[in-house]
């Protein structure tokens, strides 16, 4: 897949690790208001959980994920909104 020519019209995800709370914050920028879904998978592709499914505001949306305290596991997130999908790795 190629990136859309208009950058501000693209769905984007930034993850911020919070080692004090054993978690990760997802900063999701939605190009418009609408329904979206944020899912978490293990590195083998097995779905762990749906972190969020529902209405997103246009602009910034925040979701927090708590991880087990001594977890060293990597996860993969998949954010989808309409036809747009963004994935990436979450490492604590």
PDB file of N, CA and C in Angstrom:
ATOM      1  N   UNK A   1       0.835  -1.183   0.000  1.00  0.00           N
ATOM      2  CA  UNK A   1       0.000   0.000   0.000  1.00  0.00           C
ATOM      3  C   UNK A   1       0.875   1.240   0.000  1.00  0.00           C
ATOM      4  N   UNK A   2       0.425   2.261  -0.695  1.00  0.00           N
ATOM      5  CA  UNK A   2       1.165   3.511  -0.715  1.00  0.00           C
ATOM      6  C   UNK A   2       0.435   4.541   0.136  1.00  0.00           C
ATOM      7  N   UNK A   3       1.190   5.493   0.629  1.00  0.00           N
ATOM      8  CA  UNK A   3       0.602   6.541   1.461  1.00  0.00           C
ATOM      9  C   UNK A   3      -0.229   7.477   0.586  1.00  0.00           C
ATOM     10  N   UNK A   4      -1.368   7.961   1.110  1.00  0.00           N
ATOM     11  CA  UNK A   4      -2.164   8.921   0.342  1.00  0.00           C
ATOM     12  C   UNK A   4      -1.363  10.198   0.105  1.00  0.00           C
ATOM     13  N   UNK A   5      -1.651  10.879  -0.989  1.00  0.00           N
ATOM     14  CA  UNK A   5      -0.920  12.097  -1.337  1.00  0.00           C
ATOM     15  C   UNK A   5      -1.199  13.219  -0.339  1.00  0.00           C
ATOM     16  N   UNK A   6      -2.401  13.256   0.221  1.00  0.00           N
ATOM     17  CA  UNK A   6      -2.752  14.310   1.163  1.00  0.00           C
ATOM     18  C   UNK A   6      -2.518  13.782   2.583  1.00  0.00           C
ATOM     19  N   UNK A   7      -1.444  14.245   3.221  1.00  0.00           N
ATOM     20  CA  UNK A   7      -1.031  13.692   4.508  1.00  0.00           C
ATOM     21  C   UNK A   7      -2.079  13.881   5.603  1.00  0.00           C
ATOM     22  N   UNK A   8      -2.731  15.038   5.637  1.00  0.00           N
ATOM     23  CA  UNK A   8      -3.684  15.281   6.726  1.00  0.00           C
ATOM     24  C   UNK A   8      -4.964  14.463   6.592  1.00  0.00           C
ATOM     25  N   UNK A   9      -5.150  13.813   5.464  1.00  0.00           N
ATOM     26  CA  UNK A   9      -6.345  12.988   5.262  1.00  0.00           C
ATOM     27  C   UNK A   9      -6.102  11.536   5.654  1.00  0.00           C
ATOM     28  N   UNK A  10      -4.905  11.246   6.161  1.00  0.00           N
ATOM     29  CA  UNK A  10      -4.553   9.861   6.474  1.00  0.00           C
ATOM     30  C   UNK A  10      -4.756   9.566   7.953  1.00  0.00           C
ATOM     31  N   UNK A  11      -5.158   8.356   8.222  1.00  0.00           N
ATOM     32  CA  UNK A  11      -5.245   7.840   9.581  1.00  0.00           C
ATOM     33  C   UNK A  11      -3.818   7.603  10.074  1.00  0.00           C
ATOM     34  N   UNK A  12      -3.501   8.033  11.297  1.00  0.00           N
ATOM     35  CA  UNK A  12      -2.158   7.787  11.812  1.00  0.00           C
ATOM     36  C   UNK A  12      -2.216   7.376  13.276  1.00  0.00           C
ATOM     37  N   UNK A  13      -1.196   6.617  13.689  1.00  0.00           N
ATOM     38  CA  UNK A  13      -1.100   6.114  15.059  1.00  0.00           C
ATOM     39  C   UNK A  13       0.320   6.344  15.569  1.00  0.00           C
ATOM     40  N   UNK A  14       0.410   6.890  16.783  1.00  0.00           N
ATOM     41  CA  UNK A  14       1.688   7.034  17.475  1.00  0.00           C
ATOM     42  C   UNK A  14       1.536   6.333  18.819  1.00  0.00           C
ATOM     43  N   UNK A  15       2.531   5.511  19.196  1.00  0.00           N
ATOM     44  CA  UNK A  15       2.481   4.854  20.509  1.00  0.00           C
ATOM     45  C   UNK A  15       3.538   5.477  21.411  1.00  0.00           C
ATOM     46  N   UNK A  16       3.141   5.694  22.656  1.00  0.00           N
ATOM     47  CA  UNK A  16       4.030   6.278  23.647  1.00  0.00           C
ATOM     48  C   UNK A  16       4.103   5.317  24.827  1.00  0.00           C
ATOM     49  N   UNK A  17       5.297   4.822  25.120  1.00  0.00           N
ATOM     50  CA  UNK A  17       5.480   3.890  26.229  1.00  0.00           C
ATOM     51  C   UNK A  17       5.470   4.655  27.547  1.00  0.00           C
ATOM     52  N   UNK A  18       4.787   4.087  28.540  1.00  0.00           N
ATOM     53  CA  UNK A  18       4.757   4.672  29.871  1.00  0.00           C
ATOM     54  C   UNK A  18       5.239   3.606  30.851  1.00  0.00           C
ATOM     55  N   UNK A  19       6.541   3.586  31.115  1.00  0.00           N
ATOM     56  CA  UNK A  19       7.108   2.529  31.952  1.00  0.00           C
ATOM     57  C   UNK A  19       6.657   2.641  33.406  1.00  0.00           C
ATOM     58  N   UNK A  20       6.254   3.822  33.850  1.00  0.00           N
ATOM     59  CA  UNK A  20       5.799   3.976  35.233  1.00  0.00           C
ATOM     60  C   UNK A  20       4.458   3.289  35.464  1.00  0.00           C
ATOM     61  N   UNK A  21       3.631   3.250  34.445  1.00  0.00           N
ATOM     62  CA  UNK A  21       2.310   2.629  34.576  1.00  0.00           C
ATOM     63  C   UNK A  21       2.238   1.290  33.860  1.00  0.00           C
ATOM     64  N   UNK A  22       3.384   0.769  33.414  1.00  0.00           N
ATOM     65  CA  UNK A  22       3.415  -0.501  32.670  1.00  0.00           C
ATOM     66  C   UNK A  22       2.407  -0.485  31.529  1.00  0.00           C
ATOM     67  N   UNK A  23       2.460   0.565  30.749  1.00  0.00           N
ATOM     68  CA  UNK A  23       1.472   0.649  29.693  1.00  0.00           C
ATOM     69  C   UNK A  23       1.953   1.410  28.483  1.00  0.00           C
ATOM     70  N   UNK A  24       1.042   1.506  27.543  1.00  0.00           N
ATOM     71  CA  UNK A  24       1.291   2.204  26.294  1.00  0.00           C
ATOM     72  C   UNK A  24       0.075   3.077  26.011  1.00  0.00           C
ATOM     73  N   UNK A  25       0.325   4.289  25.559  1.00  0.00           N
ATOM     74  CA  UNK A  25      -0.757   5.171  25.131  1.00  0.00           C
ATOM     75  C   UNK A  25      -0.743   5.239  23.607  1.00  0.00           C
ATOM     76  N   UNK A  26      -1.904   5.058  23.022  1.00  0.00           N
ATOM     77  CA  UNK A  26      -2.073   5.184  21.573  1.00  0.00           C
ATOM     78  C   UNK A  26      -2.638   6.569  21.282  1.00  0.00           C
ATOM     79  N   UNK A  27      -1.937   7.337  20.457  1.00  0.00           N
ATOM     80  CA  UNK A  27      -2.438   8.624  19.976  1.00  0.00           C
ATOM     81  C   UNK A  27      -2.865   8.410  18.530  1.00  0.00           C
ATOM     82  N   UNK A  28      -4.159   8.447  18.305  1.00  0.00           N
ATOM     83  CA  UNK A  28      -4.696   8.165  16.975  1.00  0.00           C
ATOM     84  C   UNK A  28      -5.241   9.452  16.382  1.00  0.00           C
ATOM     85  N   UNK A  29      -4.767   9.781  15.198  1.00  0.00           N
ATOM     86  CA  UNK A  29      -5.284  10.943  14.487  1.00  0.00           C
ATOM     87  C   UNK A  29      -6.208  10.433  13.388  1.00  0.00           C
ATOM     88  N   UNK A  30      -7.487  10.785  13.532  1.00  0.00           N
ATOM     89  CA  UNK A  30      -8.485  10.364  12.548  1.00  0.00           C
ATOM     90  C   UNK A  30      -8.743  11.521  11.580  1.00  0.00           C
ATOM     91  N   UNK A  31      -8.768  11.238  10.282  1.00  0.00           N
ATOM     92  CA  UNK A  31      -8.979  12.303   9.295  1.00  0.00           C
ATOM     93  C   UNK A  31     -10.383  12.891   9.360  1.00  0.00           C
ATOM     94  N   UNK A  32     -11.319  12.134   9.919  1.00  0.00           N
ATOM     95  CA  UNK A  32     -12.707  12.587  10.030  1.00  0.00           C
ATOM     96  C   UNK A  32     -13.363  11.787  11.150  1.00  0.00           C
ATOM     97  N   UNK A  33     -14.498  12.259  11.608  1.00  0.00           N
ATOM     98  CA  UNK A  33     -15.249  11.496  12.608  1.00  0.00           C
ATOM     99  C   UNK A  33     -15.824  10.249  11.945  1.00  0.00           C
ATOM    100  N   UNK A  34     -15.892   9.163  12.688  1.00  0.00           N
ATOM    101  CA  UNK A  34     -16.448   7.924  12.151  1.00  0.00           C
ATOM    102  C   UNK A  34     -16.118   6.764  13.057  1.00  0.00           C
ATOM    103  N   UNK A  35     -16.525   5.586  12.641  1.00  0.00           N
ATOM    104  CA  UNK A  35     -16.271   4.385  13.442  1.00  0.00           C
ATOM    105  C   UNK A  35     -14.897   3.820  13.131  1.00  0.00           C
ATOM    106  N   UNK A  36     -14.264   3.322  14.180  1.00  0.00           N
ATOM    107  CA  UNK A  36     -12.946   2.726  14.017  1.00  0.00           C
ATOM    108  C   UNK A  36     -12.764   1.578  14.985  1.00  0.00           C
ATOM    109  N   UNK A  37     -11.689   0.832  14.791  1.00  0.00           N
ATOM    110  CA  UNK A  37     -11.400  -0.299  15.660  1.00  0.00           C
ATOM    111  C   UNK A  37      -9.890  -0.409  15.850  1.00  0.00           C
ATOM    112  N   UNK A  38      -9.491  -0.599  17.116  1.00  0.00           N
ATOM    113  CA  UNK A  38      -8.091  -0.787  17.472  1.00  0.00           C
ATOM    114  C   UNK A  38      -7.954  -2.168  18.092  1.00  0.00           C
ATOM    115  N   UNK A  39      -7.176  -3.041  17.425  1.00  0.00           N
ATOM    116  CA  UNK A  39      -7.019  -4.430  17.871  1.00  0.00           C
ATOM    117  C   UNK A  39      -5.559  -4.703  18.201  1.00  0.00           C
ATOM    118  N   UNK A  40      -5.345  -5.656  19.117  1.00  0.00           N
ATOM    119  CA  UNK A  40      -4.010  -6.046  19.537  1.00  0.00           C
ATOM    120  C   UNK A  40      -3.797  -7.523  19.235  1.00  0.00           C
ATOM    121  N   UNK A  41      -2.654  -7.837  18.630  1.00  0.00           N
ATOM    122  CA  UNK A  41      -2.291  -9.210  18.257  1.00  0.00           C
ATOM    123  C   UNK A  41      -0.930  -9.551  18.848  1.00  0.00           C
ATOM    124  N   UNK A  42      -0.676 -10.857  19.045  1.00  0.00           N
ATOM    125  CA  UNK A  42       0.679 -11.256  19.407  1.00  0.00           C
ATOM    126  C   UNK A  42       1.496 -11.341  18.118  1.00  0.00           C
ATOM    127  N   UNK A  43       2.789 -11.587  18.245  1.00  0.00           N
ATOM    128  CA  UNK A  43       3.652 -11.585  17.063  1.00  0.00           C
ATOM    129  C   UNK A  43       3.412 -12.788  16.147  1.00  0.00           C
ATOM    130  N   UNK A  44       2.622 -13.763  16.597  1.00  0.00           N
ATOM    131  CA  UNK A  44       2.256 -14.895  15.743  1.00  0.00           C
ATOM    132  C   UNK A  44       0.963 -14.632  14.980  1.00  0.00           C
ATOM    133  N   UNK A  45       0.355 -13.452  15.191  1.00  0.00           N
ATOM    134  CA  UNK A  45      -0.872 -13.111  14.486  1.00  0.00           C
ATOM    135  C   UNK A  45      -2.139 -13.502  15.219  1.00  0.00           C
ATOM    136  N   UNK A  46      -2.021 -13.995  16.454  1.00  0.00           N
ATOM    137  CA  UNK A  46      -3.195 -14.370  17.235  1.00  0.00           C
ATOM    138  C   UNK A  46      -3.766 -13.119  17.897  1.00  0.00           C
ATOM    139  N   UNK A  47      -5.057 -12.913  17.723  1.00  0.00           N
ATOM    140  CA  UNK A  47      -5.697 -11.741  18.307  1.00  0.00           C
ATOM    141  C   UNK A  47      -5.736 -11.862  19.819  1.00  0.00           C
ATOM    142  N   UNK A  48      -5.236 -10.824  20.503  1.00  0.00           N
ATOM    143  CA  UNK A  48      -5.234 -10.779  21.965  1.00  0.00           C
ATOM    144  C   UNK A  48      -6.537 -10.143  22.455  1.00  0.00           C
ATOM    145  N   UNK A  49      -6.856  -8.972  21.911  1.00  0.00           N
ATOM    146  CA  UNK A  49      -8.072  -8.291  22.324  1.00  0.00           C
ATOM    147  C   UNK A  49      -8.382  -7.124  21.396  1.00  0.00           C
ATOM    148  N   UNK A  50      -9.626  -6.682  21.440  1.00  0.00           N
ATOM    149  CA  UNK A  50     -10.024  -5.444  20.790  1.00  0.00           C
ATOM    150  C   UNK A  50      -9.932  -4.362  21.855  1.00  0.00           C
ATOM    151  N   UNK A  51      -9.031  -3.401  21.648  1.00  0.00           N
ATOM    152  CA  UNK A  51      -8.842  -2.333  22.627  1.00  0.00           C
ATOM    153  C   UNK A  51      -9.954  -1.308  22.549  1.00  0.00           C
ATOM    154  N   UNK A  52     -10.450  -1.058  21.334  1.00  0.00           N
ATOM    155  CA  UNK A  52     -11.523  -0.086  21.172  1.00  0.00           C
ATOM    156  C   UNK A  52     -12.270  -0.379  19.885  1.00  0.00           C
ATOM    157  N   UNK A  53     -13.580  -0.234  19.951  1.00  0.00           N
ATOM    158  CA  UNK A  53     -14.405  -0.329  18.752  1.00  0.00           C
ATOM    159  C   UNK A  53     -15.553   0.640  18.946  1.00  0.00           C
ATOM    160  N   UNK A  54     -15.667   1.602  18.046  1.00  0.00           N
ATOM    161  CA  UNK A  54     -16.745   2.575  18.170  1.00  0.00           C
ATOM    162  C   UNK A  54     -16.406   3.882  17.492  1.00  0.00           C
ATOM    163  N   UNK A  55     -17.049   4.921  17.933  1.00  0.00           N
ATOM    164  CA  UNK A  55     -16.941   6.231  17.313  1.00  0.00           C
ATOM    165  C   UNK A  55     -15.629   6.925  17.664  1.00  0.00           C
ATOM    166  N   UNK A  56     -15.001   7.504  16.652  1.00  0.00           N
ATOM    167  CA  UNK A  56     -13.789   8.297  16.841  1.00  0.00           C
ATOM    168  C   UNK A  56     -14.098   9.738  16.458  1.00  0.00           C
ATOM    169  N   UNK A  57     -13.485  10.672  17.162  1.00  0.00           N
ATOM    170  CA  UNK A  57     -13.604  12.081  16.805  1.00  0.00           C
ATOM    171  C   UNK A  57     -12.618  12.392  15.693  1.00  0.00           C
ATOM    172  N   UNK A  58     -12.936  13.389  14.874  1.00  0.00           N
ATOM    173  CA  UNK A  58     -11.957  13.882  13.908  1.00  0.00           C
ATOM    174  C   UNK A  58     -10.826  14.505  14.707  1.00  0.00           C
ATOM    175  N   UNK A  59      -9.585  14.226  14.324  1.00  0.00           N
ATOM    176  CA  UNK A  59      -8.440  14.737  15.073  1.00  0.00           C
ATOM    177  C   UNK A  59      -7.921  13.695  16.044  1.00  0.00           C
ATOM    178  N   UNK A  60      -7.419  14.143  17.195  1.00  0.00           N
ATOM    179  CA  UNK A  60      -6.754  13.246  18.141  1.00  0.00           C
ATOM    180  C   UNK A  60      -7.718  12.456  19.014  1.00  0.00           C
ATOM    181  N   UNK A  61      -7.393  11.179  19.193  1.00  0.00           N
ATOM    182  CA  UNK A  61      -8.094  10.267  20.091  1.00  0.00           C
ATOM    183  C   UNK A  61      -7.020   9.522  20.866  1.00  0.00           C
ATOM    184  N   UNK A  62      -7.259   9.250  22.159  1.00  0.00           N
ATOM    185  CA  UNK A  62      -6.276   8.577  23.007  1.00  0.00           C
ATOM    186  C   UNK A  62      -6.855   7.299  23.596  1.00  0.00           C
ATOM    187  N   UNK A  63      -6.036   6.250  23.616  1.00  0.00           N
ATOM    188  CA  UNK A  63      -6.419   4.987  24.255  1.00  0.00           C
ATOM    189  C   UNK A  63      -5.202   4.465  25.011  1.00  0.00           C
ATOM    190  N   UNK A  64      -5.443   3.944  26.208  1.00  0.00           N
ATOM    191  CA  UNK A  64      -4.365   3.420  27.033  1.00  0.00           C
ATOM    192  C   UNK A  64      -4.459   1.908  27.139  1.00  0.00           C
ATOM    193  N   UNK A  65      -3.308   1.272  27.143  1.00  0.00           N
ATOM    194  CA  UNK A  65      -3.212  -0.177  27.276  1.00  0.00           C
ATOM    195  C   UNK A  65      -2.286  -0.484  28.436  1.00  0.00           C
ATOM    196  N   UNK A  66      -2.766  -1.256  29.401  1.00  0.00           N
ATOM    197  CA  UNK A  66      -1.913  -1.714  30.502  1.00  0.00           C
ATOM    198  C   UNK A  66      -1.323  -3.062  30.131  1.00  0.00           C
ATOM    199  N   UNK A  67      -0.046  -3.228  30.410  1.00  0.00           N
ATOM    200  CA  UNK A  67       0.649  -4.482  30.118  1.00  0.00           C
ATOM    201  C   UNK A  67       1.071  -5.137  31.425  1.00  0.00           C
ATOM    202  N   UNK A  68       1.211  -6.461  31.433  1.00  0.00           N
ATOM    203  CA  UNK A  68       1.698  -7.140  32.641  1.00  0.00           C
ATOM    204  C   UNK A  68       3.032  -6.534  33.082  1.00  0.00           C
ATOM    205  N   UNK A  69       3.235  -6.437  34.388  1.00  0.00           N
ATOM    206  CA  UNK A  69       4.366  -5.690  34.936  1.00  0.00           C
ATOM    207  C   UNK A  69       5.721  -6.136  34.402  1.00  0.00           C
ATOM    208  N   UNK A  70       5.974  -7.427  34.341  1.00  0.00           N
ATOM    209  CA  UNK A  70       7.278  -7.903  33.887  1.00  0.00           C
ATOM    210  C   UNK A  70       7.252  -8.421  32.451  1.00  0.00           C
ATOM    211  N   UNK A  71       6.280  -7.959  31.698  1.00  0.00           N
ATOM    212  CA  UNK A  71       6.128  -8.404  30.318  1.00  0.00           C
ATOM    213  C   UNK A  71       7.271  -7.888  29.448  1.00  0.00           C
ATOM    214  N   UNK A  72       7.833  -8.762  28.661  1.00  0.00           N
ATOM    215  CA  UNK A  72       8.859  -8.370  27.685  1.00  0.00           C
ATOM    216  C   UNK A  72       8.360  -8.712  26.274  1.00  0.00           C
ATOM    217  N   UNK A  73       7.091  -8.977  26.178  1.00  0.00           N
ATOM    218  CA  UNK A  73       6.509  -9.407  24.921  1.00  0.00           C
ATOM    219  C   UNK A  73       6.252  -8.224  23.995  1.00  0.00           C
ATOM    220  N   UNK A  74       6.405  -8.450  22.715  1.00  0.00           N
ATOM    221  CA  UNK A  74       6.022  -7.461  21.719  1.00  0.00           C
ATOM    222  C   UNK A  74       4.628  -7.799  21.210  1.00  0.00           C
ATOM    223  N   UNK A  75       3.902  -6.771  20.860  1.00  0.00           N
ATOM    224  CA  UNK A  75       2.565  -6.933  20.308  1.00  0.00           C
ATOM    225  C   UNK A  75       2.484  -6.159  19.006  1.00  0.00           C
ATOM    226  N   UNK A  76       1.466  -6.467  18.234  1.00  0.00           N
ATOM    227  CA  UNK A  76       1.204  -5.744  16.999  1.00  0.00           C
ATOM    228  C   UNK A  76      -0.192  -5.150  17.114  1.00  0.00           C
ATOM    229  N   UNK A  77      -0.322  -3.870  16.789  1.00  0.00           N
ATOM    230  CA  UNK A  77      -1.654  -3.264  16.782  1.00  0.00           C
ATOM    231  C   UNK A  77      -2.133  -3.103  15.347  1.00  0.00           C
ATOM    232  N   UNK A  78      -3.441  -3.104  15.193  1.00  0.00           N
ATOM    233  CA  UNK A  78      -4.063  -2.825  13.901  1.00  0.00           C
ATOM    234  C   UNK A  78      -5.181  -1.832  14.155  1.00  0.00           C
ATOM    235  N   UNK A  79      -5.049  -0.653  13.596  1.00  0.00           N
ATOM    236  CA  UNK A  79      -6.070   0.382  13.693  1.00  0.00           C
ATOM    237  C   UNK A  79      -6.750   0.478  12.340  1.00  0.00           C
ATOM    238  N   UNK A  80      -8.070   0.343  12.334  1.00  0.00           N
ATOM    239  CA  UNK A  80      -8.782   0.446  11.062  1.00  0.00           C
ATOM    240  C   UNK A  80      -9.929   1.438  11.195  1.00  0.00           C
ATOM    241  N   UNK A  81     -10.127   2.185  10.122  1.00  0.00           N
ATOM    242  CA  UNK A  81     -11.214   3.150  10.042  1.00  0.00           C
ATOM    243  C   UNK A  81     -11.617   3.236   8.580  1.00  0.00           C
ATOM    244  N   UNK A  82     -12.793   2.700   8.269  1.00  0.00           N
ATOM    245  CA  UNK A  82     -13.203   2.642   6.868  1.00  0.00           C
ATOM    246  C   UNK A  82     -12.220   1.789   6.079  1.00  0.00           C
ATOM    247  N   UNK A  83     -11.749   2.321   4.967  1.00  0.00           N
ATOM    248  CA  UNK A  83     -10.804   1.601   4.116  1.00  0.00           C
ATOM    249  C   UNK A  83      -9.363   1.729   4.610  1.00  0.00           C
ATOM    250  N   UNK A  84      -9.120   2.647   5.528  1.00  0.00           N
ATOM    251  CA  UNK A  84      -7.750   2.893   5.981  1.00  0.00           C
ATOM    252  C   UNK A  84      -7.371   1.958   7.127  1.00  0.00           C
ATOM    253  N   UNK A  85      -6.156   1.438   7.053  1.00  0.00           N
ATOM    254  CA  UNK A  85      -5.630   0.559   8.101  1.00  0.00           C
ATOM    255  C   UNK A  85      -4.197   0.973   8.391  1.00  0.00           C
ATOM    256  N   UNK A  86      -3.855   0.980   9.676  1.00  0.00           N
ATOM    257  CA  UNK A  86      -2.504   1.291  10.108  1.00  0.00           C
ATOM    258  C   UNK A  86      -2.096   0.226  11.113  1.00  0.00           C
ATOM    259  N   UNK A  87      -0.890  -0.329  10.955  1.00  0.00           N
ATOM    260  CA  UNK A  87      -0.425  -1.305  11.930  1.00  0.00           C
ATOM    261  C   UNK A  87       0.992  -0.950  12.342  1.00  0.00           C
ATOM    262  N   UNK A  88       1.385  -1.501  13.478  1.00  0.00           N
ATOM    263  CA  UNK A  88       2.730  -1.256  13.976  1.00  0.00           C
ATOM    264  C   UNK A  88       3.000  -2.144  15.174  1.00  0.00           C
ATOM    265  N   UNK A  89       4.198  -2.032  15.693  1.00  0.00           N
ATOM    266  CA  UNK A  89       4.600  -2.878  16.812  1.00  0.00           C
ATOM    267  C   UNK A  89       4.566  -2.096  18.117  1.00  0.00           C
ATOM    268  N   UNK A  90       4.136  -2.775  19.162  1.00  0.00           N
ATOM    269  CA  UNK A  90       4.127  -2.213  20.510  1.00  0.00           C
ATOM    270  C   UNK A  90       5.115  -3.010  21.329  1.00  0.00           C
ATOM    271  N   UNK A  91       6.119  -2.358  21.867  1.00  0.00           N
ATOM    272  CA  UNK A  91       7.082  -3.007  22.729  1.00  0.00           C
ATOM    273  C   UNK A  91       7.159  -2.220  24.024  1.00  0.00           C
ATOM    274  N   UNK A  92       7.100  -2.947  25.117  1.00  0.00           N
ATOM    275  CA  UNK A  92       7.144  -2.271  26.416  1.00  0.00           C
ATOM    276  C   UNK A  92       8.564  -1.899  26.752  1.00  0.00           C
TER     277      UNK A  92
END
